[in-house]
Every structure is written in structure tokens, then in C-alpha cells.
Amino acid sequence: MSQDVFKALSDPTRREILRMLRKRPMPAGELSEVFAMTKGSLSHHFNILKNAGLVRCERRGQFQVYSLNTSVFEETLAMLVDLFGSERKRKRS
């Protein structure tokens, strides 16, 4: 899981998509208006975010609506805290 998450987070376009979705779920068309790229390129970014589990996609009528999957963020943060928190504790001992 974490390798896909870090790959997804490594790209500035995907990070901006996540920032936008932090405010509210958004349809793909509305997100595409912000980025100067083809719908195919944007779809590629959405797929990477979905495969990493960072976003969910729900069909509402004719629209694809994207939202954050906060549980994956929480799991990743917990892993990082555990990883680096353990290191810090070992240095203090």
C-alpha cells in the first residue's frame, strides 16, 4: 500500500487534486477545469490516486464524483509516526 501512496503523492498535480478534494467532493469535470491538460492525462492521475486508495470515485447520474479516502491518509500517517517515532525513541535511550 505505502509504495502506491508515496508514488501518488510524489506528483504536484495529484497533490493539488488532493488539496482541492480536501474542501469537498468534486465532479471530474469541475476538477478538469483547473488543470491545463487533456482529460486522458487527468484520468491517468485519477487512476493513480484511486489505485493508491487516496480517493474514491462515485457515479452520480452522468458524473464521476471524487472524494478523499481519509482512512488511507490516517494509516499512512500512523505508519510514518511509528517509523520515525520509534527511531527518535531509540536515540533517546
PDB file of N, CA and C in Angstrom:
ATOM      1  N   MET A   1       0.810  -1.192   0.000  1.00  0.00           N
ATOM      2  CA  MET A   1       0.000   0.000   0.000  1.00  0.00           C
ATOM      3  C   MET A   1       0.853   1.255   0.000  1.00  0.00           C
ATOM      4  N   SER A   2       1.806   1.377   0.919  1.00  0.00           N
ATOM      5  CA  SER A   2       2.531   2.635   1.089  1.00  0.00           C
ATOM      6  C   SER A   2       3.313   3.044  -0.156  1.00  0.00           C
ATOM      7  N   GLN A   3       3.824   2.076  -0.923  1.00  0.00           N
ATOM      8  CA  GLN A   3       4.557   2.429  -2.139  1.00  0.00           C
ATOM      9  C   GLN A   3       3.638   3.153  -3.126  1.00  0.00           C
ATOM     10  N   ASP A   4       2.420   2.677  -3.299  1.00  0.00           N
ATOM     11  CA  ASP A   4       1.453   3.337  -4.183  1.00  0.00           C
ATOM     12  C   ASP A   4       1.072   4.721  -3.661  1.00  0.00           C
ATOM     13  N   VAL A   5       0.957   4.842  -2.347  1.00  0.00           N
ATOM     14  CA  VAL A   5       0.614   6.135  -1.744  1.00  0.00           C
ATOM     15  C   VAL A   5       1.733   7.136  -2.014  1.00  0.00           C
ATOM     16  N   PHE A   6       2.970   6.742  -1.777  1.00  0.00           N
ATOM     17  CA  PHE A   6       4.080   7.667  -1.977  1.00  0.00           C
ATOM     18  C   PHE A   6       4.265   8.017  -3.449  1.00  0.00           C
ATOM     19  N   LYS A   7       4.016   7.057  -4.340  1.00  0.00           N
ATOM     20  CA  LYS A   7       4.072   7.360  -5.775  1.00  0.00           C
ATOM     21  C   LYS A   7       3.004   8.392  -6.125  1.00  0.00           C
ATOM     22  N   ALA A   8       1.807   8.202  -5.594  1.00  0.00           N
ATOM     23  CA  ALA A   8       0.716   9.137  -5.883  1.00  0.00           C
ATOM     24  C   ALA A   8       1.026  10.529  -5.347  1.00  0.00           C
ATOM     25  N   LEU A   9       1.593  10.594  -4.160  1.00  0.00           N
ATOM     26  CA  LEU A   9       1.899  11.886  -3.543  1.00  0.00           C
ATOM     27  C   LEU A   9       3.109  12.584  -4.146  1.00  0.00           C
ATOM     28  N   SER A  10       3.882  11.867  -4.937  1.00  0.00           N
ATOM     29  CA  SER A  10       5.117  12.447  -5.483  1.00  0.00           C
ATOM     30  C   SER A  10       4.864  13.454  -6.603  1.00  0.00           C
ATOM     31  N   ASP A  11       3.665  13.470  -7.147  1.00  0.00           N
ATOM     32  CA  ASP A  11       3.376  14.335  -8.289  1.00  0.00           C
ATOM     33  C   ASP A  11       2.620  15.595  -7.851  1.00  0.00           C
ATOM     34  N   PRO A  12       3.081  16.781  -8.274  1.00  0.00           N
ATOM     35  CA  PRO A  12       2.416  18.020  -7.860  1.00  0.00           C
ATOM     36  C   PRO A  12       0.965  18.140  -8.329  1.00  0.00           C
ATOM     37  N   THR A  13       0.641  17.621  -9.495  1.00  0.00           N
ATOM     38  CA  THR A  13      -0.750  17.669  -9.967  1.00  0.00           C
ATOM     39  C   THR A  13      -1.647  16.859  -9.051  1.00  0.00           C
ATOM     40  N   ARG A  14      -1.198  15.674  -8.682  1.00  0.00           N
ATOM     41  CA  ARG A  14      -2.006  14.832  -7.801  1.00  0.00           C
ATOM     42  C   ARG A  14      -2.135  15.453  -6.408  1.00  0.00           C
ATOM     43  N   ARG A  15      -1.078  16.075  -5.921  1.00  0.00           N
ATOM     44  CA  ARG A  15      -1.177  16.751  -4.626  1.00  0.00           C
ATOM     45  C   ARG A  15      -2.192  17.896  -4.686  1.00  0.00           C
ATOM     46  N   GLU A  16      -2.233  18.611  -5.809  1.00  0.00           N
ATOM     47  CA  GLU A  16      -3.205  19.705  -5.952  1.00  0.00           C
ATOM     48  C   GLU A  16      -4.627  19.151  -6.018  1.00  0.00           C
ATOM     49  N   ILE A  17      -4.822  18.043  -6.694  1.00  0.00           N
ATOM     50  CA  ILE A  17      -6.144  17.395  -6.722  1.00  0.00           C
ATOM     51  C   ILE A  17      -6.576  17.057  -5.295  1.00  0.00           C
ATOM     52  N   LEU A  18      -5.666  16.500  -4.517  1.00  0.00           N
ATOM     53  CA  LEU A  18      -5.989  16.145  -3.130  1.00  0.00           C
ATOM     54  C   LEU A  18      -6.319  17.386  -2.299  1.00  0.00           C
ATOM     55  N   ARG A  19      -5.579  18.471  -2.508  1.00  0.00           N
ATOM     56  CA  ARG A  19      -5.878  19.722  -1.789  1.00  0.00           C
ATOM     57  C   ARG A  19      -7.296  20.207  -2.112  1.00  0.00           C
ATOM     58  N   MET A  20      -7.657  20.110  -3.380  1.00  0.00           N
ATOM     59  CA  MET A  20      -8.988  20.553  -3.790  1.00  0.00           C
ATOM     60  C   MET A  20     -10.072  19.665  -3.175  1.00  0.00           C
ATOM     61  N   LEU A  21      -9.827  18.361  -3.152  1.00  0.00           N
ATOM     62  CA  LEU A  21     -10.812  17.427  -2.612  1.00  0.00           C
ATOM     63  C   LEU A  21     -10.897  17.507  -1.091  1.00  0.00           C
ATOM     64  N   ARG A  22      -9.895  18.087  -0.460  1.00  0.00           N
ATOM     65  CA  ARG A  22      -9.927  18.256   0.994  1.00  0.00           C
ATOM     66  C   ARG A  22     -11.100  19.163   1.384  1.00  0.00           C
ATOM     67  N   LYS A  23     -11.440  20.099   0.506  1.00  0.00           N
ATOM     68  CA  LYS A  23     -12.528  21.037   0.787  1.00  0.00           C
ATOM     69  C   LYS A  23     -13.903  20.385   0.631  1.00  0.00           C
ATOM     70  N   ARG A  24     -14.039  19.552  -0.416  1.00  0.00           N
ATOM     71  CA  ARG A  24     -15.328  18.908  -0.682  1.00  0.00           C
ATOM     72  C   ARG A  24     -15.172  17.918  -1.826  1.00  0.00           C
ATOM     73  N   PRO A  25     -16.082  16.938  -1.925  1.00  0.00           N
ATOM     74  CA  PRO A  25     -16.086  16.065  -3.107  1.00  0.00           C
ATOM     75  C   PRO A  25     -16.362  16.896  -4.355  1.00  0.00           C
ATOM     76  N   MET A  26     -15.761  16.500  -5.475  1.00  0.00           N
ATOM     77  CA  MET A  26     -15.918  17.275  -6.711  1.00  0.00           C
ATOM     78  C   MET A  26     -16.069  16.356  -7.911  1.00  0.00           C
ATOM     79  N   PRO A  27     -16.894  16.773  -8.880  1.00  0.00           N
ATOM     80  CA  PRO A  27     -17.010  16.016 -10.126  1.00  0.00           C
ATOM     81  C   PRO A  27     -15.721  16.140 -10.941  1.00  0.00           C
ATOM     82  N   ALA A  28     -15.427  15.108 -11.706  1.00  0.00           N
ATOM     83  CA  ALA A  28     -14.222  15.101 -12.533  1.00  0.00           C
ATOM     84  C   ALA A  28     -14.188  16.299 -13.477  1.00  0.00           C
ATOM     85  N   GLY A  29     -15.319  16.658 -14.043  1.00  0.00           N
ATOM     86  CA  GLY A  29     -15.364  17.789 -14.976  1.00  0.00           C
ATOM     87  C   GLY A  29     -14.973  19.097 -14.323  1.00  0.00           C
ATOM     88  N   GLU A  30     -15.407  19.298 -13.098  1.00  0.00           N
ATOM     89  CA  GLU A  30     -15.054  20.512 -12.368  1.00  0.00           C
ATOM     90  C   GLU A  30     -13.557  20.533 -12.054  1.00  0.00           C
ATOM     91  N   LEU A  31     -13.015  19.404 -11.683  1.00  0.00           N
ATOM     92  CA  LEU A  31     -11.575  19.315 -11.430  1.00  0.00           C
ATOM     93  C   LEU A  31     -10.779  19.564 -12.712  1.00  0.00           C
ATOM     94  N   SER A  32     -11.287  19.056 -13.828  1.00  0.00           N
ATOM     95  CA  SER A  32     -10.547  19.195 -15.090  1.00  0.00           C
ATOM     96  C   SER A  32     -10.454  20.649 -15.558  1.00  0.00           C
ATOM     97  N   GLU A  33     -11.396  21.491 -15.103  1.00  0.00           N
ATOM     98  CA  GLU A  33     -11.360  22.908 -15.490  1.00  0.00           C
ATOM     99  C   GLU A  33     -10.163  23.642 -14.904  1.00  0.00           C
ATOM    100  N   VAL A  34      -9.583  23.108 -13.851  1.00  0.00           N
ATOM    101  CA  VAL A  34      -8.485  23.764 -13.144  1.00  0.00           C
ATOM    102  C   VAL A  34      -7.132  23.464 -13.793  1.00  0.00           C
ATOM    103  N   PHE A  35      -7.022  22.327 -14.452  1.00  0.00           N
ATOM    104  CA  PHE A  35      -5.734  21.859 -14.959  1.00  0.00           C
ATOM    105  C   PHE A  35      -5.652  21.999 -16.478  1.00  0.00           C
ATOM    106  N   ALA A  36      -4.522  22.490 -16.937  1.00  0.00           N
ATOM    107  CA  ALA A  36      -4.288  22.656 -18.376  1.00  0.00           C
ATOM    108  C   ALA A  36      -3.703  21.369 -18.941  1.00  0.00           C
ATOM    109  N   MET A  37      -4.541  20.349 -19.031  1.00  0.00           N
ATOM    110  CA  MET A  37      -4.108  19.064 -19.592  1.00  0.00           C
ATOM    111  C   MET A  37      -5.313  18.352 -20.183  1.00  0.00           C
ATOM    112  N   THR A  38      -5.030  17.345 -20.972  1.00  0.00           N
ATOM    113  CA  THR A  38      -6.119  16.596 -21.599  1.00  0.00           C
ATOM    114  C   THR A  38      -6.884  15.802 -20.537  1.00  0.00           C
ATOM    115  N   LYS A  39      -8.111  15.461 -20.877  1.00  0.00           N
ATOM    116  CA  LYS A  39      -8.910  14.650 -19.958  1.00  0.00           C
ATOM    117  C   LYS A  39      -8.266  13.280 -19.751  1.00  0.00           C
ATOM    118  N   GLY A  40      -7.592  12.777 -20.778  1.00  0.00           N
ATOM    119  CA  GLY A  40      -6.889  11.498 -20.657  1.00  0.00           C
ATOM    120  C   GLY A  40      -5.755  11.565 -19.644  1.00  0.00           C
ATOM    121  N   SER A  41      -5.002  12.670 -19.685  1.00  0.00           N
ATOM    122  CA  SER A  41      -3.911  12.841 -18.721  1.00  0.00           C
ATOM    123  C   SER A  41      -4.462  12.970 -17.306  1.00  0.00           C
ATOM    124  N   LEU A  42      -5.529  13.725 -17.157  1.00  0.00           N
ATOM    125  CA  LEU A  42      -6.129  13.883 -15.841  1.00  0.00           C
ATOM    126  C   LEU A  42      -6.705  12.555 -15.346  1.00  0.00           C
ATOM    127  N   SER A  43      -7.289  11.802 -16.242  1.00  0.00           N
ATOM    128  CA  SER A  43      -7.816  10.484 -15.892  1.00  0.00           C
ATOM    129  C   SER A  43      -6.698   9.576 -15.377  1.00  0.00           C
ATOM    130  N   HIS A  44      -5.524   9.681 -15.979  1.00  0.00           N
ATOM    131  CA  HIS A  44      -4.360   8.910 -15.526  1.00  0.00           C
ATOM    132  C   HIS A  44      -4.038   9.268 -14.073  1.00  0.00           C
ATOM    133  N   HIS A  45      -4.053  10.553 -13.747  1.00  0.00           N
ATOM    134  CA  HIS A  45      -3.792  10.991 -12.370  1.00  0.00           C
ATOM    135  C   HIS A  45      -4.867  10.459 -11.419  1.00  0.00           C
ATOM    136  N   PHE A  46      -6.132  10.524 -11.834  1.00  0.00           N
ATOM    137  CA  PHE A  46      -7.217   9.992 -11.006  1.00  0.00           C
ATOM    138  C   PHE A  46      -7.013   8.505 -10.736  1.00  0.00           C
ATOM    139  N   ASN A  47      -6.622   7.757 -11.770  1.00  0.00           N
ATOM    140  CA  ASN A  47      -6.415   6.319 -11.601  1.00  0.00           C
ATOM    141  C   ASN A  47      -5.299   6.017 -10.613  1.00  0.00           C
ATOM    142  N   ILE A  48      -4.227   6.774 -10.656  1.00  0.00           N
ATOM    143  CA  ILE A  48      -3.131   6.561  -9.705  1.00  0.00           C
ATOM    144  C   ILE A  48      -3.612   6.847  -8.282  1.00  0.00           C
ATOM    145  N   LEU A  49      -4.370   7.922  -8.110  1.00  0.00           N
ATOM    146  CA  LEU A  49      -4.908   8.249  -6.791  1.00  0.00           C
ATOM    147  C   LEU A  49      -5.886   7.172  -6.308  1.00  0.00           C
ATOM    148  N   LYS A  50      -6.720   6.664  -7.218  1.00  0.00           N
ATOM    149  CA  LYS A  50      -7.659   5.597  -6.840  1.00  0.00           C
ATOM    150  C   LYS A  50      -6.917   4.316  -6.485  1.00  0.00           C
ATOM    151  N   ASN A  51      -5.911   3.942  -7.297  1.00  0.00           N
ATOM    152  CA  ASN A  51      -5.154   2.718  -7.030  1.00  0.00           C
ATOM    153  C   ASN A  51      -4.412   2.783  -5.701  1.00  0.00           C
ATOM    154  N   ALA A  52      -4.007   3.982  -5.308  1.00  0.00           N
ATOM    155  CA  ALA A  52      -3.338   4.161  -4.020  1.00  0.00           C
ATOM    156  C   ALA A  52      -4.344   4.188  -2.874  1.00  0.00           C
ATOM    157  N   GLY A  53      -5.624   4.261  -3.207  1.00  0.00           N
ATOM    158  CA  GLY A  53      -6.667   4.303  -2.195  1.00  0.00           C
ATOM    159  C   GLY A  53      -6.865   5.679  -1.580  1.00  0.00           C
ATOM    160  N   LEU A  54      -6.271   6.704  -2.177  1.00  0.00           N
ATOM    161  CA  LEU A  54      -6.361   8.055  -1.617  1.00  0.00           C
ATOM    162  C   LEU A  54      -7.673   8.753  -1.952  1.00  0.00           C
ATOM    163  N   VAL A  55      -8.303   8.353  -3.053  1.00  0.00           N
ATOM    164  CA  VAL A  55      -9.587   8.928  -3.425  1.00  0.00           C
ATOM    165  C   VAL A  55     -10.581   7.821  -3.750  1.00  0.00           C
ATOM    166  N   ARG A  56     -11.834   8.188  -3.623  1.00  0.00           N
ATOM    167  CA  ARG A  56     -12.932   7.313  -4.025  1.00  0.00           C
ATOM    168  C   ARG A  56     -13.655   7.986  -5.175  1.00  0.00           C
ATOM    169  N   CYS A  57     -14.240   7.183  -6.009  1.00  0.00           N
ATOM    170  CA  CYS A  57     -14.992   7.718  -7.130  1.00  0.00           C
ATOM    171  C   CYS A  57     -16.388   7.097  -7.101  1.00  0.00           C
ATOM    172  N   GLU A  58     -17.386   7.965  -7.204  1.00  0.00           N
ATOM    173  CA  GLU A  58     -18.781   7.529  -7.159  1.00  0.00           C
ATOM    174  C   GLU A  58     -19.513   8.125  -8.351  1.00  0.00           C
ATOM    175  N   ARG A  59     -20.260   7.282  -9.040  1.00  0.00           N
ATOM    176  CA  ARG A  59     -21.062   7.779 -10.155  1.00  0.00           C
ATOM    177  C   ARG A  59     -22.354   8.359  -9.609  1.00  0.00           C
ATOM    178  N   ARG A  60     -22.607   9.618  -9.988  1.00  0.00           N
ATOM    179  CA  ARG A  60     -23.871  10.279  -9.631  1.00  0.00           C
ATOM    180  C   ARG A  60     -24.490  10.753 -10.943  1.00  0.00           C
ATOM    181  N   GLY A  61     -25.421   9.969 -11.418  1.00  0.00           N
ATOM    182  CA  GLY A  61     -26.016  10.253 -12.722  1.00  0.00           C
ATOM    183  C   GLY A  61     -24.954  10.103 -13.794  1.00  0.00           C
ATOM    184  N   GLN A  62     -24.711  11.147 -14.539  1.00  0.00           N
ATOM    185  CA  GLN A  62     -23.707  11.073 -15.604  1.00  0.00           C
ATOM    186  C   GLN A  62     -22.334  11.574 -15.147  1.00  0.00           C
ATOM    187  N   PHE A  63     -22.202  11.913 -13.869  1.00  0.00           N
ATOM    188  CA  PHE A  63     -20.961  12.481 -13.346  1.00  0.00           C
ATOM    189  C   PHE A  63     -20.175  11.483 -12.508  1.00  0.00           C
ATOM    190  N   GLN A  64     -18.859  11.578 -12.585  1.00  0.00           N
ATOM    191  CA  GLN A  64     -17.950  10.855 -11.697  1.00  0.00           C
ATOM    192  C   GLN A  64     -17.541  11.856 -10.617  1.00  0.00           C
ATOM    193  N   VAL A  65     -17.864  11.567  -9.366  1.00  0.00           N
ATOM    194  CA  VAL A  65     -17.551  12.479  -8.276  1.00  0.00           C
ATOM    195  C   VAL A  65     -16.450  11.860  -7.423  1.00  0.00           C
ATOM    196  N   TYR A  66     -15.389  12.632  -7.224  1.00  0.00           N
ATOM    197  CA  TYR A  66     -14.234  12.173  -6.462  1.00  0.00           C
ATOM    198  C   TYR A  66     -14.266  12.766  -5.059  1.00  0.00           C
ATOM    199  N   SER A  67     -13.822  11.963  -4.084  1.00  0.00           N
ATOM    200  CA  SER A  67     -13.725  12.416  -2.702  1.00  0.00           C
ATOM    201  C   SER A  67     -12.494  11.764  -2.066  1.00  0.00           C
ATOM    202  N   LEU A  68     -12.017  12.367  -0.984  1.00  0.00           N
ATOM    203  CA  LEU A  68     -10.866  11.819  -0.275  1.00  0.00           C
ATOM    204  C   LEU A  68     -11.252  10.569   0.483  1.00  0.00           C
ATOM    205  N   ASN A  69     -10.328   9.639   0.556  1.00  0.00           N
ATOM    206  CA  ASN A  69     -10.463   8.463   1.415  1.00  0.00           C
ATOM    207  C   ASN A  69      -9.527   8.698   2.593  1.00  0.00           C
ATOM    208  N   THR A  70     -10.042   9.312   3.625  1.00  0.00           N
ATOM    209  CA  THR A  70      -9.185   9.736   4.733  1.00  0.00           C
ATOM    210  C   THR A  70      -8.569   8.577   5.510  1.00  0.00           C
ATOM    211  N   SER A  71      -9.166   7.410   5.460  1.00  0.00           N
ATOM    212  CA  SER A  71      -8.607   6.286   6.217  1.00  0.00           C
ATOM    213  C   SER A  71      -7.208   5.919   5.716  1.00  0.00           C
ATOM    214  N   VAL A  72      -6.949   6.033   4.425  1.00  0.00           N
ATOM    215  CA  VAL A  72      -5.616   5.724   3.898  1.00  0.00           C
ATOM    216  C   VAL A  72      -4.606   6.769   4.374  1.00  0.00           C
ATOM    217  N   PHE A  73      -5.026   8.034   4.429  1.00  0.00           N
ATOM    218  CA  PHE A  73      -4.146   9.070   4.958  1.00  0.00           C
ATOM    219  C   PHE A  73      -3.807   8.780   6.418  1.00  0.00           C
ATOM    220  N   GLU A  74      -4.809   8.379   7.183  1.00  0.00           N
ATOM    221  CA  GLU A  74      -4.595   8.085   8.600  1.00  0.00           C
ATOM    222  C   GLU A  74      -3.639   6.907   8.768  1.00  0.00           C
ATOM    223  N   GLU A  75      -3.811   5.853   7.975  1.00  0.00           N
ATOM    224  CA  GLU A  75      -2.935   4.690   8.052  1.00  0.00           C
ATOM    225  C   GLU A  75      -1.496   5.060   7.681  1.00  0.00           C
ATOM    226  N   THR A  76      -1.332   5.874   6.640  1.00  0.00           N
ATOM    227  CA  THR A  76      -0.004   6.286   6.210  1.00  0.00           C
ATOM    228  C   THR A  76       0.656   7.157   7.267  1.00  0.00           C
ATOM    229  N   LEU A  77      -0.092   8.083   7.830  1.00  0.00           N
ATOM    230  CA  LEU A  77       0.442   8.942   8.885  1.00  0.00           C
ATOM    231  C   LEU A  77       0.850   8.106  10.095  1.00  0.00           C
ATOM    232  N   ALA A  78       0.017   7.153  10.478  1.00  0.00           N
ATOM    233  CA  ALA A  78       0.346   6.288  11.613  1.00  0.00           C
ATOM    234  C   ALA A  78       1.619   5.493  11.336  1.00  0.00           C
ATOM    235  N   MET A  79       1.782   5.012  10.110  1.00  0.00           N
ATOM    236  CA  MET A  79       2.987   4.270   9.742  1.00  0.00           C
ATOM    237  C   MET A  79       4.223   5.162   9.854  1.00  0.00           C
ATOM    238  N   LEU A  80       4.113   6.409   9.368  1.00  0.00           N
ATOM    239  CA  LEU A  80       5.243   7.336   9.429  1.00  0.00           C
ATOM    240  C   LEU A  80       5.589   7.705  10.871  1.00  0.00           C
ATOM    241  N   VAL A  81       4.579   7.947  11.682  1.00  0.00           N
ATOM    242  CA  VAL A  81       4.816   8.264  13.088  1.00  0.00           C
ATOM    243  C   VAL A  81       5.474   7.085  13.781  1.00  0.00           C
ATOM    244  N   ASP A  82       4.994   5.897  13.496  1.00  0.00           N
ATOM    245  CA  ASP A  82       5.583   4.698  14.089  1.00  0.00           C
ATOM    246  C   ASP A  82       7.029   4.525  13.632  1.00  0.00           C
ATOM    247  N   LEU A  83       7.252   4.732  12.357  1.00  0.00           N
ATOM    248  CA  LEU A  83       8.596   4.567  11.806  1.00  0.00           C
ATOM    249  C   LEU A  83       9.575   5.579  12.384  1.00  0.00           C
ATOM    250  N   PHE A  84       9.214   6.841  12.336  1.00  0.00           N
ATOM    251  CA  PHE A  84      10.127   7.882  12.787  1.00  0.00           C
ATOM    252  C   PHE A  84      10.046   8.102  14.287  1.00  0.00           C
ATOM    253  N   GLY A  85       8.899   7.854  14.871  1.00  0.00           N
ATOM    254  CA  GLY A  85       8.770   7.949  16.321  1.00  0.00           C
ATOM    255  C   GLY A  85       9.621   6.897  17.015  1.00  0.00           C
ATOM    256  N   SER A  86       9.666   5.694  16.467  1.00  0.00           N
ATOM    257  CA  SER A  86      10.481   4.625  17.037  1.00  0.00           C
ATOM    258  C   SER A  86      11.954   4.978  16.954  1.00  0.00           C
ATOM    259  N   GLU A  87      12.351   5.584  15.853  1.00  0.00           N
ATOM    260  CA  GLU A  87      13.748   5.984  15.672  1.00  0.00           C
ATOM    261  C   GLU A  87      14.121   7.019  16.724  1.00  0.00           C
ATOM    262  N   ARG A  88      13.252   7.966  16.931  1.00  0.00           N
ATOM    263  CA  ARG A  88      13.522   9.031  17.913  1.00  0.00           C
ATOM    264  C   ARG A  88      13.655   8.420  19.314  1.00  0.00           C
ATOM    265  N   LYS A  89      12.774   7.485  19.639  1.00  0.00           N
ATOM    266  CA  LYS A  89      12.826   6.854  20.966  1.00  0.00           C
ATOM    267  C   LYS A  89      14.141   6.101  21.156  1.00  0.00           C
ATOM    268  N   ARG A  90      14.617   5.443  20.102  1.00  0.00           N
ATOM    269  CA  ARG A  90      15.872   4.684  20.219  1.00  0.00           C
ATOM    270  C   ARG A  90      17.045   5.623  20.446  1.00  0.00           C
ATOM    271  N   LYS A  91      17.022   6.800  19.836  1.00  0.00           N
ATOM    272  CA  LYS A  91      18.115   7.752  20.011  1.00  0.00           C
ATOM    273  C   LYS A  91      18.146   8.291  21.422  1.00  0.00           C
ATOM    274  N   ARG A  92      16.984   8.422  22.080  1.00  0.00           N
ATOM    275  CA  ARG A  92      16.920   8.939  23.443  1.00  0.00           C
ATOM    276  C   ARG A  92      17.427   7.920  24.452  1.00  0.00           C
ATOM    277  N   SER A  93      17.258   6.640  24.142  1.00  0.00           N
ATOM    278  CA  SER A  93      17.631   5.575  25.089  1.00  0.00           C
ATOM    279  C   SER A  93      19.126   5.425  25.223  1.00  0.00           C
TER     280      SER A  93
END
